[in-house]
PDB file of all heavy atoms in Angstrom:
ATOM      1  N   GLY A   1      -8.970 -12.221 -10.112  1.00  0.00           N
ATOM      2  CA  GLY A   1     -10.339 -12.268  -9.770  1.00  0.00           C
ATOM      3  C   GLY A   1     -10.598 -12.644  -8.336  1.00  0.00           C
ATOM      4  O   GLY A   1     -11.532 -12.126  -7.780  1.00  0.00           O
ATOM      5  N   GLU A   2      -9.831 -13.554  -7.806  1.00  0.00           N
ATOM      6  CA  GLU A   2     -10.028 -13.986  -6.350  1.00  0.00           C
ATOM      7  C   GLU A   2      -9.620 -12.970  -5.491  1.00  0.00           C
ATOM      8  O   GLU A   2     -10.187 -12.751  -4.449  1.00  0.00           O
ATOM      9  CB  GLU A   2      -9.237 -15.324  -6.186  1.00  0.00           C
ATOM     10  CG  GLU A   2      -9.768 -16.524  -6.842  1.00  0.00           C
ATOM     11  CD  GLU A   2      -8.975 -17.775  -6.673  1.00  0.00           C
ATOM     12  OE1 GLU A   2      -7.726 -17.623  -6.448  1.00  0.00           O
ATOM     13  OE2 GLU A   2      -9.486 -18.797  -6.630  1.00  0.00           O
ATOM     14  N   ARG A   3      -8.559 -12.201  -5.799  1.00  0.00           N
ATOM     15  CA  ARG A   3      -8.076 -11.097  -4.914  1.00  0.00           C
ATOM     16  C   ARG A   3      -9.149 -10.030  -4.792  1.00  0.00           C
ATOM     17  O   ARG A   3      -9.388  -9.531  -3.709  1.00  0.00           O
ATOM     18  CB  ARG A   3      -6.791 -10.464  -5.560  1.00  0.00           C
ATOM     19  CG  ARG A   3      -6.310  -9.232  -4.778  1.00  0.00           C
ATOM     20  CD  ARG A   3      -5.021  -8.798  -5.149  1.00  0.00           C
ATOM     21  NE  ARG A   3      -4.599  -7.666  -4.473  1.00  0.00           N
ATOM     22  CZ  ARG A   3      -3.385  -7.142  -4.450  1.00  0.00           C
ATOM     23  NH1 ARG A   3      -2.405  -7.747  -5.220  1.00  0.00           N
ATOM     24  NH2 ARG A   3      -3.069  -6.038  -3.756  1.00  0.00           N
ATOM     25  N   GLU A   4      -9.844  -9.784  -5.833  1.00  0.00           N
ATOM     26  CA  GLU A   4     -10.943  -8.800  -5.694  1.00  0.00           C
ATOM     27  C   GLU A   4     -12.177  -9.252  -4.968  1.00  0.00           C
ATOM     28  O   GLU A   4     -12.923  -8.432  -4.472  1.00  0.00           O
ATOM     29  CB  GLU A   4     -11.452  -8.391  -7.158  1.00  0.00           C
ATOM     30  CG  GLU A   4     -10.335  -7.693  -8.004  1.00  0.00           C
ATOM     31  CD  GLU A   4     -10.805  -7.376  -9.458  1.00  0.00           C
ATOM     32  OE1 GLU A   4     -11.909  -7.931  -9.743  1.00  0.00           O
ATOM     33  OE2 GLU A   4     -10.001  -6.746 -10.180  1.00  0.00           O
ATOM     34  N   ARG A   5     -12.230 -10.545  -4.755  1.00  0.00           N
ATOM     35  CA  ARG A   5     -13.234 -11.060  -3.895  1.00  0.00           C
ATOM     36  C   ARG A   5     -12.975 -10.973  -2.412  1.00  0.00           C
ATOM     37  O   ARG A   5     -13.796 -11.276  -1.580  1.00  0.00           O
ATOM     38  CB  ARG A   5     -13.506 -12.543  -4.319  1.00  0.00           C
ATOM     39  CG  ARG A   5     -14.333 -12.770  -5.584  1.00  0.00           C
ATOM     40  CD  ARG A   5     -14.295 -14.107  -6.088  1.00  0.00           C
ATOM     41  NE  ARG A   5     -14.651 -15.018  -4.989  1.00  0.00           N
ATOM     42  CZ  ARG A   5     -14.348 -16.337  -4.929  1.00  0.00           C
ATOM     43  NH1 ARG A   5     -13.559 -16.848  -5.849  1.00  0.00           N
ATOM     44  NH2 ARG A   5     -14.817 -17.173  -3.931  1.00  0.00           N
ATOM     45  N   THR A   6     -11.690 -10.705  -2.026  1.00  0.00           N
ATOM     46  CA  THR A   6     -11.385 -10.637  -0.648  1.00  0.00           C
ATOM     47  C   THR A   6     -11.674  -9.302  -0.015  1.00  0.00           C
ATOM     48  O   THR A   6     -12.047  -8.344  -0.737  1.00  0.00           O
ATOM     49  CB  THR A   6      -9.863 -10.891  -0.447  1.00  0.00           C
ATOM     50  OG1 THR A   6      -9.128  -9.719  -0.919  1.00  0.00           O
ATOM     51  CG2 THR A   6      -9.297 -12.108  -1.234  1.00  0.00           C
ATOM     52  N   ALA A   7     -11.675  -9.286   1.305  1.00  0.00           N
ATOM     53  CA  ALA A   7     -11.953  -7.984   1.984  1.00  0.00           C
ATOM     54  C   ALA A   7     -10.784  -7.066   2.122  1.00  0.00           C
ATOM     55  O   ALA A   7     -10.859  -6.034   2.811  1.00  0.00           O
ATOM     56  CB  ALA A   7     -12.538  -8.401   3.349  1.00  0.00           C
ATOM     57  N   TYR A   8      -9.672  -7.486   1.490  1.00  0.00           N
ATOM     58  CA  TYR A   8      -8.411  -6.639   1.614  1.00  0.00           C
ATOM     59  C   TYR A   8      -8.722  -5.242   1.011  1.00  0.00           C
ATOM     60  O   TYR A   8      -9.093  -5.203  -0.105  1.00  0.00           O
ATOM     61  CB  TYR A   8      -7.263  -7.433   1.038  1.00  0.00           C
ATOM     62  CG  TYR A   8      -5.896  -6.860   1.485  1.00  0.00           C
ATOM     63  CD1 TYR A   8      -5.282  -7.398   2.543  1.00  0.00           C
ATOM     64  CD2 TYR A   8      -5.356  -5.722   0.745  1.00  0.00           C
ATOM     65  CE1 TYR A   8      -4.084  -6.947   3.009  1.00  0.00           C
ATOM     66  CE2 TYR A   8      -4.106  -5.242   1.212  1.00  0.00           C
ATOM     67  CZ  TYR A   8      -3.563  -5.850   2.389  1.00  0.00           C
ATOM     68  OH  TYR A   8      -2.291  -5.300   2.732  1.00  0.00           O
ATOM     69  N   PRO A   9      -8.489  -4.333   1.827  1.00  0.00           N
ATOM     70  CA  PRO A   9      -8.867  -2.900   1.401  1.00  0.00           C
ATOM     71  C   PRO A   9      -7.894  -2.339   0.301  1.00  0.00           C
ATOM     72  O   PRO A   9      -6.750  -2.650   0.316  1.00  0.00           O
ATOM     73  CB  PRO A   9      -8.830  -2.050   2.599  1.00  0.00           C
ATOM     74  CG  PRO A   9      -7.837  -2.797   3.495  1.00  0.00           C
ATOM     75  CD  PRO A   9      -7.937  -4.254   3.229  1.00  0.00           C
ATOM     76  N   HIS A  10      -8.474  -1.554  -0.675  1.00  0.00           N
ATOM     77  CA  HIS A  10      -7.668  -0.930  -1.741  1.00  0.00           C
ATOM     78  C   HIS A  10      -8.198   0.517  -1.801  1.00  0.00           C
ATOM     79  O   HIS A  10      -9.289   0.864  -1.416  1.00  0.00           O
ATOM     80  CB  HIS A  10      -7.929  -1.631  -3.077  1.00  0.00           C
ATOM     81  CG  HIS A  10      -7.596  -3.062  -3.057  1.00  0.00           C
ATOM     82  ND1 HIS A  10      -6.382  -3.579  -3.167  1.00  0.00           N
ATOM     83  CD2 HIS A  10      -8.430  -4.226  -2.816  1.00  0.00           C
ATOM     84  CE1 HIS A  10      -6.345  -4.887  -3.194  1.00  0.00           C
ATOM     85  NE2 HIS A  10      -7.533  -5.274  -2.889  1.00  0.00           N
ATOM     86  N   LEU A  11      -7.283   1.304  -2.330  1.00  0.00           N
ATOM     87  CA  LEU A  11      -7.641   2.671  -2.748  1.00  0.00           C
ATOM     88  C   LEU A  11      -7.445   2.852  -4.235  1.00  0.00           C
ATOM     89  O   LEU A  11      -6.387   2.921  -4.771  1.00  0.00           O
ATOM     90  CB  LEU A  11      -6.738   3.631  -2.010  1.00  0.00           C
ATOM     91  CG  LEU A  11      -6.966   5.130  -2.389  1.00  0.00           C
ATOM     92  CD1 LEU A  11      -8.454   5.538  -2.243  1.00  0.00           C
ATOM     93  CD2 LEU A  11      -6.025   6.106  -1.580  1.00  0.00           C
ATOM     94  N   TRP A  12      -8.634   2.751  -4.913  1.00  0.00           N
ATOM     95  CA  TRP A  12      -8.558   2.823  -6.366  1.00  0.00           C
ATOM     96  C   TRP A  12      -8.480   4.173  -6.921  1.00  0.00           C
ATOM     97  O   TRP A  12      -8.908   5.084  -6.289  1.00  0.00           O
ATOM     98  CB  TRP A  12      -9.863   2.192  -6.986  1.00  0.00           C
ATOM     99  CG  TRP A  12     -10.107   0.804  -6.433  1.00  0.00           C
ATOM    100  CD1 TRP A  12     -11.109   0.346  -5.616  1.00  0.00           C
ATOM    101  CD2 TRP A  12      -9.432  -0.439  -6.694  1.00  0.00           C
ATOM    102  NE1 TRP A  12     -11.014  -1.003  -5.395  1.00  0.00           N
ATOM    103  CE2 TRP A  12      -9.979  -1.540  -6.055  1.00  0.00           C
ATOM    104  CE3 TRP A  12      -8.282  -0.650  -7.597  1.00  0.00           C
ATOM    105  CZ2 TRP A  12      -9.487  -2.820  -6.207  1.00  0.00           C
ATOM    106  CZ3 TRP A  12      -7.793  -1.947  -7.607  1.00  0.00           C
ATOM    107  CH2 TRP A  12      -8.475  -2.955  -6.955  1.00  0.00           C
ATOM    108  N   ARG A  13      -7.838   4.395  -7.981  1.00  0.00           N
ATOM    109  CA  ARG A  13      -7.636   5.645  -8.657  1.00  0.00           C
ATOM    110  C   ARG A  13      -9.001   6.272  -9.036  1.00  0.00           C
ATOM    111  O   ARG A  13      -9.195   7.542  -9.000  1.00  0.00           O
ATOM    112  CB  ARG A  13      -6.763   5.613  -9.933  1.00  0.00           C
ATOM    113  CG  ARG A  13      -5.243   5.446  -9.576  1.00  0.00           C
ATOM    114  CD  ARG A  13      -4.652   6.730  -9.259  1.00  0.00           C
ATOM    115  NE  ARG A  13      -3.303   6.705  -8.820  1.00  0.00           N
ATOM    116  CZ  ARG A  13      -2.627   7.695  -8.411  1.00  0.00           C
ATOM    117  NH1 ARG A  13      -3.231   8.905  -8.281  1.00  0.00           N
ATOM    118  NH2 ARG A  13      -1.304   7.552  -8.168  1.00  0.00           N
ATOM    119  N   ASP A  14      -9.937   5.428  -9.415  1.00  0.00           N
ATOM    120  CA  ASP A  14     -11.238   6.009  -9.832  1.00  0.00           C
ATOM    121  C   ASP A  14     -12.225   5.975  -8.620  1.00  0.00           C
ATOM    122  O   ASP A  14     -13.466   5.699  -8.856  1.00  0.00           O
ATOM    123  CB  ASP A  14     -11.725   5.167 -10.997  1.00  0.00           C
ATOM    124  CG  ASP A  14     -11.919   3.701 -10.629  1.00  0.00           C
ATOM    125  OD1 ASP A  14     -11.375   3.232  -9.544  1.00  0.00           O
ATOM    126  OD2 ASP A  14     -12.544   2.866 -11.377  1.00  0.00           O
ATOM    127  N   ILE A  15     -11.729   6.180  -7.424  1.00  0.00           N
ATOM    128  CA  ILE A  15     -12.735   6.229  -6.242  1.00  0.00           C
ATOM    129  C   ILE A  15     -13.750   7.251  -6.500  1.00  0.00           C
ATOM    130  O   ILE A  15     -13.491   8.327  -7.009  1.00  0.00           O
ATOM    131  CB  ILE A  15     -11.870   6.523  -5.034  1.00  0.00           C
ATOM    132  CG1 ILE A  15     -12.774   6.482  -3.798  1.00  0.00           C
ATOM    133  CG2 ILE A  15     -11.090   7.863  -5.090  1.00  0.00           C
ATOM    134  CD1 ILE A  15     -12.029   6.538  -2.462  1.00  0.00           C
ATOM    135  N   THR A  16     -14.988   6.942  -6.042  1.00  0.00           N
ATOM    136  CA  THR A  16     -16.122   7.762  -6.278  1.00  0.00           C
ATOM    137  C   THR A  16     -16.219   8.967  -5.320  1.00  0.00           C
ATOM    138  O   THR A  16     -15.604   8.769  -4.293  1.00  0.00           O
ATOM    139  CB  THR A  16     -17.362   7.024  -6.245  1.00  0.00           C
ATOM    140  OG1 THR A  16     -17.592   6.496  -4.998  1.00  0.00           O
ATOM    141  CG2 THR A  16     -17.410   5.830  -7.262  1.00  0.00           C
ATOM    142  N   GLU A  17     -16.979   9.933  -5.639  1.00  0.00           N
ATOM    143  CA  GLU A  17     -17.039  11.027  -4.700  1.00  0.00           C
ATOM    144  C   GLU A  17     -17.796  10.613  -3.366  1.00  0.00           C
ATOM    145  O   GLU A  17     -17.300  10.923  -2.288  1.00  0.00           O
ATOM    146  CB  GLU A  17     -18.013  12.124  -5.317  1.00  0.00           C
ATOM    147  CG  GLU A  17     -18.346  13.286  -4.329  1.00  0.00           C
ATOM    148  CD  GLU A  17     -19.077  14.381  -4.955  1.00  0.00           C
ATOM    149  OE1 GLU A  17     -18.831  14.727  -6.204  1.00  0.00           O
ATOM    150  OE2 GLU A  17     -19.858  15.096  -4.331  1.00  0.00           O
ATOM    151  N   GLN A  18     -18.652   9.681  -3.495  1.00  0.00           N
ATOM    152  CA  GLN A  18     -19.381   9.230  -2.362  1.00  0.00           C
ATOM    153  C   GLN A  18     -18.460   8.312  -1.451  1.00  0.00           C
ATOM    154  O   GLN A  18     -18.481   8.452  -0.277  1.00  0.00           O
ATOM    155  CB  GLN A  18     -20.612   8.318  -2.748  1.00  0.00           C
ATOM    156  CG  GLN A  18     -21.364   7.742  -1.583  1.00  0.00           C
ATOM    157  CD  GLN A  18     -22.526   6.804  -1.997  1.00  0.00           C
ATOM    158  OE1 GLN A  18     -22.717   6.550  -3.262  1.00  0.00           O
ATOM    159  NE2 GLN A  18     -23.232   6.237  -1.086  1.00  0.00           N
ATOM    160  N   GLU A  19     -17.533   7.638  -2.129  1.00  0.00           N
ATOM    161  CA  GLU A  19     -16.545   6.934  -1.330  1.00  0.00           C
ATOM    162  C   GLU A  19     -15.556   7.736  -0.629  1.00  0.00           C
ATOM    163  O   GLU A  19     -15.121   7.537   0.556  1.00  0.00           O
ATOM    164  CB  GLU A  19     -15.896   5.880  -2.236  1.00  0.00           C
ATOM    165  CG  GLU A  19     -14.873   4.924  -1.546  1.00  0.00           C
ATOM    166  CD  GLU A  19     -15.528   3.746  -0.925  1.00  0.00           C
ATOM    167  OE1 GLU A  19     -16.860   3.693  -0.925  1.00  0.00           O
ATOM    168  OE2 GLU A  19     -14.860   2.870  -0.390  1.00  0.00           O
ATOM    169  N   VAL A  20     -15.140   8.842  -1.342  1.00  0.00           N
ATOM    170  CA  VAL A  20     -14.273   9.801  -0.701  1.00  0.00           C
ATOM    171  C   VAL A  20     -14.891  10.381   0.553  1.00  0.00           C
ATOM    172  O   VAL A  20     -14.064  10.411   1.644  1.00  0.00           O
ATOM    173  CB  VAL A  20     -13.900  10.898  -1.688  1.00  0.00           C
ATOM    174  CG1 VAL A  20     -12.983  11.989  -1.017  1.00  0.00           C
ATOM    175  CG2 VAL A  20     -13.091  10.268  -2.958  1.00  0.00           C
ATOM    176  N   ILE A  21     -16.057  10.772   0.432  1.00  0.00           N
ATOM    177  CA  ILE A  21     -16.749  11.317   1.593  1.00  0.00           C
ATOM    178  C   ILE A  21     -16.913  10.390   2.733  1.00  0.00           C
ATOM    179  O   ILE A  21     -16.682  10.654   3.962  1.00  0.00           O
ATOM    180  CB  ILE A  21     -18.074  12.033   1.198  1.00  0.00           C
ATOM    181  CG1 ILE A  21     -17.927  13.159   0.227  1.00  0.00           C
ATOM    182  CG2 ILE A  21     -18.840  12.439   2.457  1.00  0.00           C
ATOM    183  CD1 ILE A  21     -19.105  13.606  -0.328  1.00  0.00           C
ATOM    184  N   SER A  22     -17.349   9.123   2.336  1.00  0.00           N
ATOM    185  CA  SER A  22     -17.521   8.125   3.402  1.00  0.00           C
ATOM    186  C   SER A  22     -16.211   7.682   4.063  1.00  0.00           C
ATOM    187  O   SER A  22     -16.231   7.498   5.256  1.00  0.00           O
ATOM    188  CB  SER A  22     -18.088   6.845   2.669  1.00  0.00           C
ATOM    189  OG  SER A  22     -18.157   5.829   3.611  1.00  0.00           O
ATOM    190  N   ARG A  23     -15.143   7.660   3.371  1.00  0.00           N
ATOM    191  CA  ARG A  23     -13.856   7.207   3.940  1.00  0.00           C
ATOM    192  C   ARG A  23     -12.996   8.215   4.541  1.00  0.00           C
ATOM    193  O   ARG A  23     -12.297   7.997   5.384  1.00  0.00           O
ATOM    194  CB  ARG A  23     -13.054   6.405   2.830  1.00  0.00           C
ATOM    195  CG  ARG A  23     -13.648   5.158   2.311  1.00  0.00           C
ATOM    196  CD  ARG A  23     -13.660   4.160   3.349  1.00  0.00           C
ATOM    197  NE  ARG A  23     -13.991   2.764   2.749  1.00  0.00           N
ATOM    198  CZ  ARG A  23     -14.066   1.741   3.478  1.00  0.00           C
ATOM    199  NH1 ARG A  23     -13.927   1.690   4.697  1.00  0.00           N
ATOM    200  NH2 ARG A  23     -14.438   0.571   2.866  1.00  0.00           N
ATOM    201  N   TYR A  24     -13.054   9.420   4.018  1.00  0.00           N
ATOM    202  CA  TYR A  24     -12.045  10.475   4.296  1.00  0.00           C
ATOM    203  C   TYR A  24     -12.533  11.760   4.972  1.00  0.00           C
ATOM    204  O   TYR A  24     -11.927  12.735   5.003  1.00  0.00           O
ATOM    205  CB  TYR A  24     -11.297  10.812   2.995  1.00  0.00           C
ATOM    206  CG  TYR A  24     -10.504   9.649   2.578  1.00  0.00           C
ATOM    207  CD1 TYR A  24     -10.946   8.766   1.687  1.00  0.00           C
ATOM    208  CD2 TYR A  24      -9.188   9.467   3.129  1.00  0.00           C
ATOM    209  CE1 TYR A  24     -10.303   7.645   1.303  1.00  0.00           C
ATOM    210  CE2 TYR A  24      -8.408   8.367   2.763  1.00  0.00           C
ATOM    211  CZ  TYR A  24      -8.993   7.379   1.807  1.00  0.00           C
ATOM    212  OH  TYR A  24      -8.190   6.378   1.552  1.00  0.00           O
ATOM    213  N   THR A  25     -13.834  11.633   5.575  1.00  0.00           N
ATOM    214  CA  THR A  25     -14.333  12.802   6.359  1.00  0.00           C
ATOM    215  C   THR A  25     -13.727  12.676   7.778  1.00  0.00           C
ATOM    216  O   THR A  25     -13.909  11.676   8.433  1.00  0.00           O
ATOM    217  CB  THR A  25     -15.893  12.771   6.414  1.00  0.00           C
ATOM    218  OG1 THR A  25     -16.386  12.979   5.094  1.00  0.00           O
ATOM    219  CG2 THR A  25     -16.347  13.884   7.266  1.00  0.00           C
ATOM    220  N   LEU A  26     -13.171  13.687   8.215  1.00  0.00           N
ATOM    221  CA  LEU A  26     -12.583  13.749   9.576  1.00  0.00           C
ATOM    222  C   LEU A  26     -13.722  14.069  10.543  1.00  0.00           C
ATOM    223  O   LEU A  26     -14.529  14.928  10.376  1.00  0.00           O
ATOM    224  CB  LEU A  26     -11.596  14.910   9.634  1.00  0.00           C
ATOM    225  CG  LEU A  26     -10.244  14.710   8.958  1.00  0.00           C
ATOM    226  CD1 LEU A  26      -9.549  16.032   8.723  1.00  0.00           C
ATOM    227  CD2 LEU A  26      -9.312  13.835   9.722  1.00  0.00           C
ATOM    228  N   SER A  27     -13.725  13.196  11.597  1.00  0.00           N
ATOM    229  CA  SER A  27     -14.706  13.466  12.643  1.00  0.00           C
ATOM    230  C   SER A  27     -14.345  14.694  13.411  1.00  0.00           C
ATOM    231  O   SER A  27     -13.106  15.188  13.317  1.00  0.00           O
ATOM    232  CB  SER A  27     -14.791  12.195  13.589  1.00  0.00           C
ATOM    233  OG  SER A  27     -13.658  12.174  14.307  1.00  0.00           O
ATOM    234  N   GLU A  28     -15.249  15.158  14.200  1.00  0.00           N
ATOM    235  CA  GLU A  28     -14.880  16.347  15.067  1.00  0.00           C
ATOM    236  C   GLU A  28     -13.759  16.081  15.964  1.00  0.00           C
ATOM    237  O   GLU A  28     -12.849  16.976  16.135  1.00  0.00           O
ATOM    238  CB  GLU A  28     -16.189  16.782  15.903  1.00  0.00           C
ATOM    239  CG  GLU A  28     -15.963  18.112  16.712  1.00  0.00           C
ATOM    240  CD  GLU A  28     -17.186  18.417  17.456  1.00  0.00           C
ATOM    241  OE1 GLU A  28     -18.278  17.847  17.163  1.00  0.00           O
ATOM    242  OE2 GLU A  28     -17.025  19.288  18.329  1.00  0.00           O
ATOM    243  N   GLU A  29     -13.652  14.883  16.587  1.00  0.00           N
ATOM    244  CA  GLU A  29     -12.621  14.451  17.416  1.00  0.00           C
ATOM    245  C   GLU A  29     -11.305  14.445  16.647  1.00  0.00           C
ATOM    246  O   GLU A  29     -10.215  14.868  17.215  1.00  0.00           O
ATOM    247  CB  GLU A  29     -12.939  13.144  18.068  1.00  0.00           C
ATOM    248  CG  GLU A  29     -11.810  12.671  19.038  1.00  0.00           C
ATOM    249  CD  GLU A  29     -12.159  11.280  19.492  1.00  0.00           C
ATOM    250  OE1 GLU A  29     -13.355  10.884  19.747  1.00  0.00           O
ATOM    251  OE2 GLU A  29     -11.158  10.554  19.927  1.00  0.00           O
ATOM    252  N   GLU A  30     -11.344  13.844  15.519  1.00  0.00           N
ATOM    253  CA  GLU A  30     -10.134  13.706  14.663  1.00  0.00           C
ATOM    254  C   GLU A  30      -9.591  14.975  14.235  1.00  0.00           C
ATOM    255  O   GLU A  30      -8.364  15.276  14.248  1.00  0.00           O
ATOM    256  CB  GLU A  30     -10.451  12.834  13.392  1.00  0.00           C
ATOM    257  CG  GLU A  30     -10.622  11.298  13.786  1.00  0.00           C
ATOM    258  CD  GLU A  30     -11.146  10.609  12.557  1.00  0.00           C
ATOM    259  OE1 GLU A  30     -11.577  11.201  11.490  1.00  0.00           O
ATOM    260  OE2 GLU A  30     -11.113   9.353  12.559  1.00  0.00           O
ATOM    261  N   LEU A  31     -10.477  15.944  13.914  1.00  0.00           N
ATOM    262  CA  LEU A  31     -10.105  17.299  13.487  1.00  0.00           C
ATOM    263  C   LEU A  31      -9.397  17.973  14.626  1.00  0.00           C
ATOM    264  O   LEU A  31      -8.383  18.580  14.431  1.00  0.00           O
ATOM    265  CB  LEU A  31     -11.352  18.041  13.020  1.00  0.00           C
ATOM    266  CG  LEU A  31     -11.070  19.464  12.269  1.00  0.00           C
ATOM    267  CD1 LEU A  31     -10.113  19.250  11.128  1.00  0.00           C
ATOM    268  CD2 LEU A  31     -12.378  20.072  11.908  1.00  0.00           C
ATOM    269  N   LYS A  32      -9.899  17.831  15.809  1.00  0.00           N
ATOM    270  CA  LYS A  32      -9.251  18.573  16.975  1.00  0.00           C
ATOM    271  C   LYS A  32      -7.931  17.949  17.235  1.00  0.00           C
ATOM    272  O   LYS A  32      -6.998  18.580  17.627  1.00  0.00           O
ATOM    273  CB  LYS A  32     -10.231  18.431  18.234  1.00  0.00           C
ATOM    274  CG  LYS A  32     -11.516  19.227  18.222  1.00  0.00           C
ATOM    275  CD  LYS A  32     -12.254  19.098  19.352  1.00  0.00           C
ATOM    276  CE  LYS A  32     -13.566  19.972  19.348  1.00  0.00           C
ATOM    277  NZ  LYS A  32     -14.491  19.652  20.561  1.00  0.00           N
ATOM    278  N   TRP A  33      -7.833  16.660  17.073  1.00  0.00           N
ATOM    279  CA  TRP A  33      -6.573  15.971  17.339  1.00  0.00           C
ATOM    280  C   TRP A  33      -5.548  16.365  16.427  1.00  0.00           C
ATOM    281  O   TRP A  33      -4.358  16.688  16.713  1.00  0.00           O
ATOM    282  CB  TRP A  33      -6.791  14.413  17.268  1.00  0.00           C
ATOM    283  CG  TRP A  33      -5.525  13.590  17.482  1.00  0.00           C
ATOM    284  CD1 TRP A  33      -4.927  13.397  18.667  1.00  0.00           C
ATOM    285  CD2 TRP A  33      -4.820  12.883  16.528  1.00  0.00           C
ATOM    286  NE1 TRP A  33      -3.829  12.604  18.437  1.00  0.00           N
ATOM    287  CE2 TRP A  33      -3.678  12.224  17.193  1.00  0.00           C
ATOM    288  CE3 TRP A  33      -4.936  12.691  15.050  1.00  0.00           C
ATOM    289  CZ2 TRP A  33      -2.788  11.423  16.510  1.00  0.00           C
ATOM    290  CZ3 TRP A  33      -4.015  12.018  14.376  1.00  0.00           C
ATOM    291  CH2 TRP A  33      -3.017  11.347  15.075  1.00  0.00           C
ATOM    292  N   VAL A  34      -5.862  16.470  15.136  1.00  0.00           N
ATOM    293  CA  VAL A  34      -4.972  17.026  14.087  1.00  0.00           C
ATOM    294  C   VAL A  34      -4.576  18.387  14.331  1.00  0.00           C
ATOM    295  O   VAL A  34      -3.336  18.726  14.156  1.00  0.00           O
ATOM    296  CB  VAL A  34      -5.496  16.750  12.636  1.00  0.00           C
ATOM    297  CG1 VAL A  34      -4.721  17.431  11.653  1.00  0.00           C
ATOM    298  CG2 VAL A  34      -5.650  15.342  12.309  1.00  0.00           C
ATOM    299  N   GLN A  35      -5.498  19.277  14.747  1.00  0.00           N
ATOM    300  CA  GLN A  35      -5.143  20.580  14.861  1.00  0.00           C
ATOM    301  C   GLN A  35      -4.242  20.934  16.057  1.00  0.00           C
ATOM    302  O   GLN A  35      -3.640  21.960  16.241  1.00  0.00           O
ATOM    303  CB  GLN A  35      -6.464  21.426  15.070  1.00  0.00           C
ATOM    304  CG  GLN A  35      -7.265  21.498  13.686  1.00  0.00           C
ATOM    305  CD  GLN A  35      -8.571  22.182  13.794  1.00  0.00           C
ATOM    306  OE1 GLN A  35      -9.184  22.122  14.826  1.00  0.00           O
ATOM    307  NE2 GLN A  35      -9.103  22.697  12.743  1.00  0.00           N
ATOM    308  N   HIS A  36      -4.154  19.984  16.936  1.00  0.00           N
ATOM    309  CA  HIS A  36      -3.250  20.054  18.170  1.00  0.00           C
ATOM    310  C   HIS A  36      -1.767  19.704  17.710  1.00  0.00           C
ATOM    311  O   HIS A  36      -0.888  19.957  18.453  1.00  0.00           O
ATOM    312  CB  HIS A  36      -3.726  19.246  19.266  1.00  0.00           C
ATOM    313  CG  HIS A  36      -4.752  19.903  20.189  1.00  0.00           C
ATOM    314  ND1 HIS A  36      -6.076  19.768  19.892  1.00  0.00           N
ATOM    315  CD2 HIS A  36      -4.633  20.703  21.194  1.00  0.00           C
ATOM    316  CE1 HIS A  36      -6.749  20.495  20.790  1.00  0.00           C
ATOM    317  NE2 HIS A  36      -5.937  21.090  21.586  1.00  0.00           N
ATOM    318  N   TYR A  37      -1.661  19.133  16.530  1.00  0.00           N
ATOM    319  CA  TYR A  37      -0.308  18.844  15.996  1.00  0.00           C
ATOM    320  C   TYR A  37       0.417  19.992  15.506  1.00  0.00           C
ATOM    321  O   TYR A  37      -0.118  20.745  14.761  1.00  0.00           O
ATOM    322  CB  TYR A  37      -0.590  17.612  14.857  1.00  0.00           C
ATOM    323  CG  TYR A  37       0.882  17.187  14.343  1.00  0.00           C
ATOM    324  CD1 TYR A  37       1.753  16.476  15.099  1.00  0.00           C
ATOM    325  CD2 TYR A  37       1.105  17.391  12.943  1.00  0.00           C
ATOM    326  CE1 TYR A  37       2.879  16.019  14.503  1.00  0.00           C
ATOM    327  CE2 TYR A  37       2.306  16.934  12.325  1.00  0.00           C
ATOM    328  CZ  TYR A  37       3.160  16.156  13.212  1.00  0.00           C
ATOM    329  OH  TYR A  37       4.242  15.715  12.634  1.00  0.00           O
ATOM    330  N   ARG A  38       1.662  20.089  15.989  1.00  0.00           N
ATOM    331  CA  ARG A  38       2.489  21.231  15.681  1.00  0.00           C
ATOM    332  C   ARG A  38       3.181  21.173  14.271  1.00  0.00           C
ATOM    333  O   ARG A  38       3.824  22.235  13.896  1.00  0.00           O
ATOM    334  CB  ARG A  38       3.482  21.621  16.763  1.00  0.00           C
ATOM    335  CG  ARG A  38       2.828  22.008  18.105  1.00  0.00           C
ATOM    336  CD  ARG A  38       3.790  22.342  19.094  1.00  0.00           C
ATOM    337  NE  ARG A  38       3.246  22.833  20.389  1.00  0.00           N
ATOM    338  CZ  ARG A  38       3.815  23.209  21.465  1.00  0.00           C
ATOM    339  NH1 ARG A  38       5.150  23.370  21.371  1.00  0.00           N
ATOM    340  NH2 ARG A  38       3.214  23.660  22.533  1.00  0.00           N
ATOM    341  N   GLY A  39       3.161  20.039  13.683  1.00  0.00           N
ATOM    342  CA  GLY A  39       3.853  19.903  12.372  1.00  0.00           C
ATOM    343  C   GLY A  39       2.877  20.107  11.155  1.00  0.00           C
ATOM    344  O   GLY A  39       2.010  20.875  11.312  1.00  0.00           O
ATOM    345  N   ASN A  40       3.241  19.345  10.148  1.00  0.00           N
ATOM    346  CA  ASN A  40       2.402  19.434   8.974  1.00  0.00           C
ATOM    347  C   ASN A  40       1.071  18.691   9.216  1.00  0.00           C
ATOM    348  O   ASN A  40       1.015  17.456   9.049  1.00  0.00           O
ATOM    349  CB  ASN A  40       3.145  18.816   7.761  1.00  0.00           C
ATOM    350  CG  ASN A  40       2.442  19.069   6.398  1.00  0.00           C
ATOM    351  OD1 ASN A  40       1.342  18.711   6.257  1.00  0.00           O
ATOM    352  ND2 ASN A  40       3.234  19.833   5.532  1.00  0.00           N
TER     353      ASN A  40
END
């Protein structure tokens, strides 16, 4: 219970759609940076 009260970040299996969008949307700059990568 105390661990859940901390700010230590977690990625829960039941993450919501809103949370996915909030956390995992690539910015325009990030997208360009990734697309310059020659690997996966």
